[in-house]
Amino acid sequence: MLPESTLIERLEEAKRCARILELDMSRHTIRSYIIASVIDNDIHINNIGSALTSALANPGHLLLGAFEKTEQHQKTQLLLDK
């Protein structure tokens, strides 16, 4: 999990990019893309805008990347591998 200060910095960048891309941040799907781009630490902060753009065409990739970072997924993956 990312430190709160890093999450805030990444969230501000994601919101800035969403405004530039004229995304409707009140939509549930757009908010999910923003959250996914923020919590996926494989996405560099400078690439959050590109990740959001890609998510519009192929949301599964962004959402899966963020999902795989969750603690619950990682614990379940370990159990599955046993």
PDB file of N, CA and C in Angstrom:
ATOM      1  N   MET A   1       0.843  -1.179   0.000  1.00  0.00           N
ATOM      2  CA  MET A   1       0.000   0.000   0.000  1.00  0.00           C
ATOM      3  C   MET A   1       0.889   1.244   0.000  1.00  0.00           C
ATOM      4  N   LEU A   2       0.475   2.217  -0.773  1.00  0.00           N
ATOM      5  CA  LEU A   2       1.225   3.467  -0.874  1.00  0.00           C
ATOM      6  C   LEU A   2       0.969   4.344   0.348  1.00  0.00           C
ATOM      7  N   PRO A   3       1.975   5.108   0.755  1.00  0.00           N
ATOM      8  CA  PRO A   3       1.766   6.056   1.858  1.00  0.00           C
ATOM      9  C   PRO A   3       0.700   7.090   1.478  1.00  0.00           C
ATOM     10  N   GLU A   4       0.001   7.616   2.478  1.00  0.00           N
ATOM     11  CA  GLU A   4      -1.085   8.554   2.216  1.00  0.00           C
ATOM     12  C   GLU A   4      -0.617   9.780   1.432  1.00  0.00           C
ATOM     13  N   SER A   5       0.562  10.290   1.744  1.00  0.00           N
ATOM     14  CA  SER A   5       1.058  11.475   1.029  1.00  0.00           C
ATOM     15  C   SER A   5       1.252  11.176  -0.459  1.00  0.00           C
ATOM     16  N   THR A   6       1.704   9.969  -0.766  1.00  0.00           N
ATOM     17  CA  THR A   6       1.881   9.565  -2.163  1.00  0.00           C
ATOM     18  C   THR A   6       0.528   9.396  -2.841  1.00  0.00           C
ATOM     19  N   LEU A   7      -0.430   8.803  -2.129  1.00  0.00           N
ATOM     20  CA  LEU A   7      -1.781   8.647  -2.683  1.00  0.00           C
ATOM     21  C   LEU A   7      -2.386  10.009  -3.017  1.00  0.00           C
ATOM     22  N   ILE A   8      -2.223  10.954  -2.110  1.00  0.00           N
ATOM     23  CA  ILE A   8      -2.778  12.291  -2.335  1.00  0.00           C
ATOM     24  C   ILE A   8      -2.125  12.944  -3.548  1.00  0.00           C
ATOM     25  N   GLU A   9      -0.816  12.842  -3.652  1.00  0.00           N
ATOM     26  CA  GLU A   9      -0.096  13.421  -4.793  1.00  0.00           C
ATOM     27  C   GLU A   9      -0.557  12.784  -6.106  1.00  0.00           C
ATOM     28  N   ARG A  10      -0.676  11.464  -6.111  1.00  0.00           N
ATOM     29  CA  ARG A  10      -1.105  10.754  -7.313  1.00  0.00           C
ATOM     30  C   ARG A  10      -2.565  11.080  -7.646  1.00  0.00           C
ATOM     31  N   LEU A  11      -3.401  11.205  -6.619  1.00  0.00           N
ATOM     32  CA  LEU A  11      -4.805  11.536  -6.839  1.00  0.00           C
ATOM     33  C   LEU A  11      -4.947  12.933  -7.439  1.00  0.00           C
ATOM     34  N   GLU A  12      -4.183  13.877  -6.943  1.00  0.00           N
ATOM     35  CA  GLU A  12      -4.231  15.227  -7.504  1.00  0.00           C
ATOM     36  C   GLU A  12      -3.821  15.221  -8.976  1.00  0.00           C
ATOM     37  N   GLU A  13      -2.801  14.443  -9.307  1.00  0.00           N
ATOM     38  CA  GLU A  13      -2.373  14.338 -10.707  1.00  0.00           C
ATOM     39  C   GLU A  13      -3.460  13.677 -11.555  1.00  0.00           C
ATOM     40  N   ALA A  14      -4.086  12.638 -11.035  1.00  0.00           N
ATOM     41  CA  ALA A  14      -5.154  11.956 -11.773  1.00  0.00           C
ATOM     42  C   ALA A  14      -6.338  12.894 -12.001  1.00  0.00           C
ATOM     43  N   LYS A  15      -6.697  13.666 -11.000  1.00  0.00           N
ATOM     44  CA  LYS A  15      -7.795  14.622 -11.148  1.00  0.00           C
ATOM     45  C   LYS A  15      -7.436  15.704 -12.165  1.00  0.00           C
ATOM     46  N   ARG A  16      -6.195  16.163 -12.150  1.00  0.00           N
ATOM     47  CA  ARG A  16      -5.743  17.160 -13.122  1.00  0.00           C
ATOM     48  C   ARG A  16      -5.861  16.606 -14.543  1.00  0.00           C
ATOM     49  N   CYS A  17      -5.411  15.373 -14.716  1.00  0.00           N
ATOM     50  CA  CYS A  17      -5.479  14.729 -16.034  1.00  0.00           C
ATOM     51  C   CYS A  17      -6.928  14.525 -16.467  1.00  0.00           C
ATOM     52  N   ALA A  18      -7.775  14.117 -15.541  1.00  0.00           N
ATOM     53  CA  ALA A  18      -9.189  13.902 -15.862  1.00  0.00           C
ATOM     54  C   ALA A  18      -9.847  15.208 -16.313  1.00  0.00           C
ATOM     55  N   ARG A  19      -9.496  16.310 -15.673  1.00  0.00           N
ATOM     56  CA  ARG A  19     -10.039  17.611 -16.093  1.00  0.00           C
ATOM     57  C   ARG A  19      -9.559  17.966 -17.497  1.00  0.00           C
ATOM     58  N   ILE A  20      -8.273  17.738 -17.768  1.00  0.00           N
ATOM     59  CA  ILE A  20      -7.725  18.034 -19.100  1.00  0.00           C
ATOM     60  C   ILE A  20      -8.416  17.181 -20.159  1.00  0.00           C
ATOM     61  N   LEU A  21      -8.658  15.912 -19.819  1.00  0.00           N
ATOM     62  CA  LEU A  21      -9.318  14.993 -20.753  1.00  0.00           C
ATOM     63  C   LEU A  21     -10.829  15.209 -20.804  1.00  0.00           C
ATOM     64  N   GLU A  22     -11.321  16.143 -19.985  1.00  0.00           N
ATOM     65  CA  GLU A  22     -12.746  16.461 -19.898  1.00  0.00           C
ATOM     66  C   GLU A  22     -13.580  15.235 -19.546  1.00  0.00           C
ATOM     67  N   LEU A  23     -13.070  14.445 -18.606  1.00  0.00           N
ATOM     68  CA  LEU A  23     -13.802  13.276 -18.133  1.00  0.00           C
ATOM     69  C   LEU A  23     -14.805  13.707 -17.071  1.00  0.00           C
ATOM     70  N   ASP A  24     -15.953  13.079 -17.077  1.00  0.00           N
ATOM     71  CA  ASP A  24     -17.001  13.376 -16.098  1.00  0.00           C
ATOM     72  C   ASP A  24     -16.690  12.613 -14.812  1.00  0.00           C
ATOM     73  N   MET A  25     -16.076  13.293 -13.854  1.00  0.00           N
ATOM     74  CA  MET A  25     -15.642  12.643 -12.620  1.00  0.00           C
ATOM     75  C   MET A  25     -16.801  12.280 -11.699  1.00  0.00           C
ATOM     76  N   SER A  26     -18.019  12.614 -12.082  1.00  0.00           N
ATOM     77  CA  SER A  26     -19.166  12.186 -11.281  1.00  0.00           C
ATOM     78  C   SER A  26     -19.623  10.775 -11.676  1.00  0.00           C
ATOM     79  N   ARG A  27     -19.144  10.289 -12.825  1.00  0.00           N
ATOM     80  CA  ARG A  27     -19.511   8.939 -13.274  1.00  0.00           C
ATOM     81  C   ARG A  27     -18.735   7.888 -12.490  1.00  0.00           C
ATOM     82  N   HIS A  28     -19.431   6.849 -12.080  1.00  0.00           N
ATOM     83  CA  HIS A  28     -18.828   5.778 -11.283  1.00  0.00           C
ATOM     84  C   HIS A  28     -17.662   5.118 -12.021  1.00  0.00           C
ATOM     85  N   THR A  29     -17.814   4.865 -13.302  1.00  0.00           N
ATOM     86  CA  THR A  29     -16.743   4.196 -14.053  1.00  0.00           C
ATOM     87  C   THR A  29     -15.493   5.070 -14.133  1.00  0.00           C
ATOM     88  N   ILE A  30     -15.676   6.345 -14.369  1.00  0.00           N
ATOM     89  CA  ILE A  30     -14.530   7.260 -14.450  1.00  0.00           C
ATOM     90  C   ILE A  30     -13.827   7.334 -13.099  1.00  0.00           C
ATOM     91  N   ARG A  31     -14.598   7.399 -12.034  1.00  0.00           N
ATOM     92  CA  ARG A  31     -14.007   7.426 -10.688  1.00  0.00           C
ATOM     93  C   ARG A  31     -13.219   6.142 -10.433  1.00  0.00           C
ATOM     94  N   SER A  32     -13.719   5.019 -10.913  1.00  0.00           N
ATOM     95  CA  SER A  32     -13.003   3.749 -10.758  1.00  0.00           C
ATOM     96  C   SER A  32     -11.687   3.766 -11.520  1.00  0.00           C
ATOM     97  N   TYR A  33     -11.686   4.330 -12.723  1.00  0.00           N
ATOM     98  CA  TYR A  33     -10.446   4.435 -13.499  1.00  0.00           C
ATOM     99  C   TYR A  33      -9.435   5.332 -12.784  1.00  0.00           C
ATOM    100  N   ILE A  34      -9.924   6.427 -12.226  1.00  0.00           N
ATOM    101  CA  ILE A  34      -9.036   7.338 -11.495  1.00  0.00           C
ATOM    102  C   ILE A  34      -8.416   6.622 -10.306  1.00  0.00           C
ATOM    103  N   ILE A  35      -9.239   5.932  -9.532  1.00  0.00           N
ATOM    104  CA  ILE A  35      -8.729   5.203  -8.362  1.00  0.00           C
ATOM    105  C   ILE A  35      -7.734   4.142  -8.791  1.00  0.00           C
ATOM    106  N   ALA A  36      -8.060   3.406  -9.841  1.00  0.00           N
ATOM    107  CA  ALA A  36      -7.162   2.347 -10.314  1.00  0.00           C
ATOM    108  C   ALA A  36      -5.816   2.919 -10.750  1.00  0.00           C
ATOM    109  N   SER A  37      -5.835   4.050 -11.435  1.00  0.00           N
ATOM    110  CA  SER A  37      -4.571   4.644 -11.888  1.00  0.00           C
ATOM    111  C   SER A  37      -3.746   5.166 -10.719  1.00  0.00           C
ATOM    112  N   VAL A  38      -4.409   5.539  -9.646  1.00  0.00           N
ATOM    113  CA  VAL A  38      -3.716   6.055  -8.463  1.00  0.00           C
ATOM    114  C   VAL A  38      -3.091   4.925  -7.654  1.00  0.00           C
ATOM    115  N   ILE A  39      -3.814   3.826  -7.461  1.00  0.00           N
ATOM    116  CA  ILE A  39      -3.304   2.775  -6.572  1.00  0.00           C
ATOM    117  C   ILE A  39      -2.346   1.809  -7.253  1.00  0.00           C
ATOM    118  N   ASP A  40      -2.317   1.802  -8.583  1.00  0.00           N
ATOM    119  CA  ASP A  40      -1.387   0.910  -9.285  1.00  0.00           C
ATOM    120  C   ASP A  40      -0.010   1.569  -9.338  1.00  0.00           C
ATOM    121  N   ASN A  41       0.864   1.173  -8.424  1.00  0.00           N
ATOM    122  CA  ASN A  41       2.175   1.818  -8.349  1.00  0.00           C
ATOM    123  C   ASN A  41       3.104   1.412  -9.489  1.00  0.00           C
ATOM    124  N   ASP A  42       2.658   0.534 -10.384  1.00  0.00           N
ATOM    125  CA  ASP A  42       3.422   0.251 -11.600  1.00  0.00           C
ATOM    126  C   ASP A  42       3.257   1.381 -12.619  1.00  0.00           C
ATOM    127  N   ILE A  43       2.240   2.208 -12.420  1.00  0.00           N
ATOM    128  CA  ILE A  43       2.012   3.359 -13.291  1.00  0.00           C
ATOM    129  C   ILE A  43       2.739   4.550 -12.670  1.00  0.00           C
ATOM    130  N   HIS A  44       3.739   5.054 -13.374  1.00  0.00           N
ATOM    131  CA  HIS A  44       4.474   6.228 -12.886  1.00  0.00           C
ATOM    132  C   HIS A  44       3.528   7.422 -12.872  1.00  0.00           C
ATOM    133  N   ILE A  45       3.719   8.299 -11.919  1.00  0.00           N
ATOM    134  CA  ILE A  45       2.835   9.466 -11.791  1.00  0.00           C
ATOM    135  C   ILE A  45       2.760  10.267 -13.091  1.00  0.00           C
ATOM    136  N   ASN A  46       3.840  10.296 -13.845  1.00  0.00           N
ATOM    137  CA  ASN A  46       3.848  11.028 -15.118  1.00  0.00           C
ATOM    138  C   ASN A  46       3.047  10.328 -16.208  1.00  0.00           C
ATOM    139  N   ASN A  47       2.645   9.080 -15.973  1.00  0.00           N
ATOM    140  CA  ASN A  47       1.895   8.312 -16.973  1.00  0.00           C
ATOM    141  C   ASN A  47       0.432   8.107 -16.590  1.00  0.00           C
ATOM    142  N   ILE A  48      -0.017   8.759 -15.542  1.00  0.00           N
ATOM    143  CA  ILE A  48      -1.403   8.584 -15.107  1.00  0.00           C
ATOM    144  C   ILE A  48      -2.378   9.052 -16.188  1.00  0.00           C
ATOM    145  N   GLY A  49      -2.095  10.165 -16.833  1.00  0.00           N
ATOM    146  CA  GLY A  49      -2.971  10.651 -17.904  1.00  0.00           C
ATOM    147  C   GLY A  49      -3.079   9.658 -19.047  1.00  0.00           C
ATOM    148  N   SER A  50      -1.964   9.064 -19.421  1.00  0.00           N
ATOM    149  CA  SER A  50      -1.969   8.042 -20.480  1.00  0.00           C
ATOM    150  C   SER A  50      -2.763   6.821 -20.044  1.00  0.00           C
ATOM    151  N   ALA A  51      -2.632   6.448 -18.780  1.00  0.00           N
ATOM    152  CA  ALA A  51      -3.376   5.293 -18.266  1.00  0.00           C
ATOM    153  C   ALA A  51      -4.877   5.558 -18.310  1.00  0.00           C
ATOM    154  N   LEU A  52      -5.279   6.768 -17.964  1.00  0.00           N
ATOM    155  CA  LEU A  52      -6.701   7.111 -18.023  1.00  0.00           C
ATOM    156  C   LEU A  52      -7.211   7.089 -19.460  1.00  0.00           C
ATOM    157  N   THR A  53      -6.425   7.605 -20.377  1.00  0.00           N
ATOM    158  CA  THR A  53      -6.808   7.587 -21.788  1.00  0.00           C
ATOM    159  C   THR A  53      -6.962   6.153 -22.283  1.00  0.00           C
ATOM    160  N   SER A  54      -6.017   5.303 -21.935  1.00  0.00           N
ATOM    161  CA  SER A  54      -6.077   3.892 -22.338  1.00  0.00           C
ATOM    162  C   SER A  54      -7.279   3.191 -21.722  1.00  0.00           C
ATOM    163  N   ALA A  55      -7.619   3.570 -20.497  1.00  0.00           N
ATOM    164  CA  ALA A  55      -8.744   2.928 -19.810  1.00  0.00           C
ATOM    165  C   ALA A  55     -10.062   3.174 -20.526  1.00  0.00           C
ATOM    166  N   LEU A  56     -10.176   4.284 -21.209  1.00  0.00           N
ATOM    167  CA  LEU A  56     -11.413   4.564 -21.936  1.00  0.00           C
ATOM    168  C   LEU A  56     -11.640   3.535 -23.038  1.00  0.00           C
ATOM    169  N   ALA A  57     -10.563   3.074 -23.661  1.00  0.00           N
ATOM    170  CA  ALA A  57     -10.666   2.077 -24.732  1.00  0.00           C
ATOM    171  C   ALA A  57     -10.612   0.655 -24.200  1.00  0.00           C
ATOM    172  N   ASN A  58      -9.817   0.432 -23.159  1.00  0.00           N
ATOM    173  CA  ASN A  58      -9.620  -0.920 -22.629  1.00  0.00           C
ATOM    174  C   ASN A  58      -9.532  -0.858 -21.106  1.00  0.00           C
ATOM    175  N   PRO A  59     -10.673  -0.732 -20.433  1.00  0.00           N
ATOM    176  CA  PRO A  59     -10.651  -0.565 -18.976  1.00  0.00           C
ATOM    177  C   PRO A  59     -10.151  -1.790 -18.222  1.00  0.00           C
ATOM    178  N   GLY A  60     -10.287  -2.954 -18.801  1.00  0.00           N
ATOM    179  CA  GLY A  60      -9.903  -4.183 -18.105  1.00  0.00           C
ATOM    180  C   GLY A  60      -8.453  -4.207 -17.691  1.00  0.00           C
ATOM    181  N   HIS A  61      -7.581  -3.715 -18.537  1.00  0.00           N
ATOM    182  CA  HIS A  61      -6.144  -3.737 -18.244  1.00  0.00           C
ATOM    183  C   HIS A  61      -5.824  -2.883 -17.017  1.00  0.00           C
ATOM    184  N   LEU A  62      -6.339  -1.670 -16.979  1.00  0.00           N
ATOM    185  CA  LEU A  62      -6.094  -0.772 -15.851  1.00  0.00           C
ATOM    186  C   LEU A  62      -6.703  -1.330 -14.572  1.00  0.00           C
ATOM    187  N   LEU A  63      -7.940  -1.785 -14.651  1.00  0.00           N
ATOM    188  CA  LEU A  63      -8.619  -2.286 -13.459  1.00  0.00           C
ATOM    189  C   LEU A  63      -7.970  -3.557 -12.930  1.00  0.00           C
ATOM    190  N   LEU A  64      -7.543  -4.443 -13.821  1.00  0.00           N
ATOM    191  CA  LEU A  64      -6.874  -5.668 -13.388  1.00  0.00           C
ATOM    192  C   LEU A  64      -5.551  -5.347 -12.706  1.00  0.00           C
ATOM    193  N   GLY A  65      -4.800  -4.405 -13.257  1.00  0.00           N
ATOM    194  CA  GLY A  65      -3.528  -4.020 -12.650  1.00  0.00           C
ATOM    195  C   GLY A  65      -3.712  -3.506 -11.237  1.00  0.00           C
ATOM    196  N   ALA A  66      -4.723  -2.684 -11.029  1.00  0.00           N
ATOM    197  CA  ALA A  66      -4.989  -2.155  -9.691  1.00  0.00           C
ATOM    198  C   ALA A  66      -5.493  -3.254  -8.761  1.00  0.00           C
ATOM    199  N   PHE A  67      -6.361  -4.110  -9.269  1.00  0.00           N
ATOM    200  CA  PHE A  67      -6.904  -5.207  -8.464  1.00  0.00           C
ATOM    201  C   PHE A  67      -5.795  -6.120  -7.966  1.00  0.00           C
ATOM    202  N   GLU A  68      -4.825  -6.390  -8.832  1.00  0.00           N
ATOM    203  CA  GLU A  68      -3.726  -7.276  -8.451  1.00  0.00           C
ATOM    204  C   GLU A  68      -2.847  -6.676  -7.361  1.00  0.00           C
ATOM    205  N   LYS A  69      -2.944  -5.380  -7.139  1.00  0.00           N
ATOM    206  CA  LYS A  69      -2.153  -4.725  -6.092  1.00  0.00           C
ATOM    207  C   LYS A  69      -2.827  -4.811  -4.722  1.00  0.00           C
ATOM    208  N   THR A  70      -4.077  -5.229  -4.677  1.00  0.00           N
ATOM    209  CA  THR A  70      -4.782  -5.254  -3.401  1.00  0.00           C
ATOM    210  C   THR A  70      -4.267  -6.368  -2.509  1.00  0.00           C
ATOM    211  N   GLU A  71      -4.306  -6.105  -1.228  1.00  0.00           N
ATOM    212  CA  GLU A  71      -3.833  -7.078  -0.247  1.00  0.00           C
ATOM    213  C   GLU A  71      -4.674  -8.359  -0.306  1.00  0.00           C
ATOM    214  N   GLN A  72      -5.986  -8.204  -0.448  1.00  0.00           N
ATOM    215  CA  GLN A  72      -6.871  -9.374  -0.496  1.00  0.00           C
ATOM    216  C   GLN A  72      -6.532 -10.262  -1.690  1.00  0.00           C
ATOM    217  N   HIS A  73      -6.274  -9.671  -2.838  1.00  0.00           N
ATOM    218  CA  HIS A  73      -5.908 -10.453  -4.022  1.00  0.00           C
ATOM    219  C   HIS A  73      -4.607 -11.200  -3.788  1.00  0.00           C
ATOM    220  N   GLN A  74      -3.626 -10.524  -3.222  1.00  0.00           N
ATOM    221  CA  GLN A  74      -2.327 -11.148  -3.000  1.00  0.00           C
ATOM    222  C   GLN A  74      -2.423 -12.314  -2.021  1.00  0.00           C
ATOM    223  N   LYS A  75      -3.212 -12.152  -0.960  1.00  0.00           N
ATOM    224  CA  LYS A  75      -3.393 -13.244   0.007  1.00  0.00           C
ATOM    225  C   LYS A  75      -4.096 -14.433  -0.641  1.00  0.00           C
ATOM    226  N   THR A  76      -5.125 -14.148  -1.408  1.00  0.00           N
ATOM    227  CA  THR A  76      -5.874 -15.220  -2.065  1.00  0.00           C
ATOM    228  C   THR A  76      -5.010 -15.918  -3.106  1.00  0.00           C
ATOM    229  N   GLN A  77      -4.184 -15.167  -3.806  1.00  0.00           N
ATOM    230  CA  GLN A  77      -3.274 -15.750  -4.792  1.00  0.00           C
ATOM    231  C   GLN A  77      -2.328 -16.741  -4.128  1.00  0.00           C
ATOM    232  N   LEU A  78      -1.806 -16.386  -2.959  1.00  0.00           N
ATOM    233  CA  LEU A  78      -0.918 -17.293  -2.224  1.00  0.00           C
ATOM    234  C   LEU A  78      -1.641 -18.581  -1.843  1.00  0.00           C
ATOM    235  N   LEU A  79      -2.885 -18.456  -1.397  1.00  0.00           N
ATOM    236  CA  LEU A  79      -3.670 -19.641  -1.039  1.00  0.00           C
ATOM    237  C   LEU A  79      -3.952 -20.498  -2.268  1.00  0.00           C
ATOM    238  N   LEU A  80      -4.240 -19.865  -3.369  1.00  0.00           N
ATOM    239  CA  LEU A  80      -4.521 -20.585  -4.609  1.00  0.00           C
ATOM    240  C   LEU A  80      -3.296 -21.346  -5.095  1.00  0.00           C
ATOM    241  N   ASP A  81      -2.126 -20.774  -4.894  1.00  0.00           N
ATOM    242  CA  ASP A  81      -0.886 -21.400  -5.348  1.00  0.00           C
ATOM    243  C   ASP A  81      -0.471 -22.601  -4.506  1.00  0.00           C
ATOM    244  N   LYS A  82      -1.062 -22.760  -3.333  1.00  0.00           N
ATOM    245  CA  LYS A  82      -0.700 -23.898  -2.461  1.00  0.00           C
ATOM    246  C   LYS A  82      -1.275 -25.194  -2.983  1.00  0.00           C
TER     247      LYS A  82
END
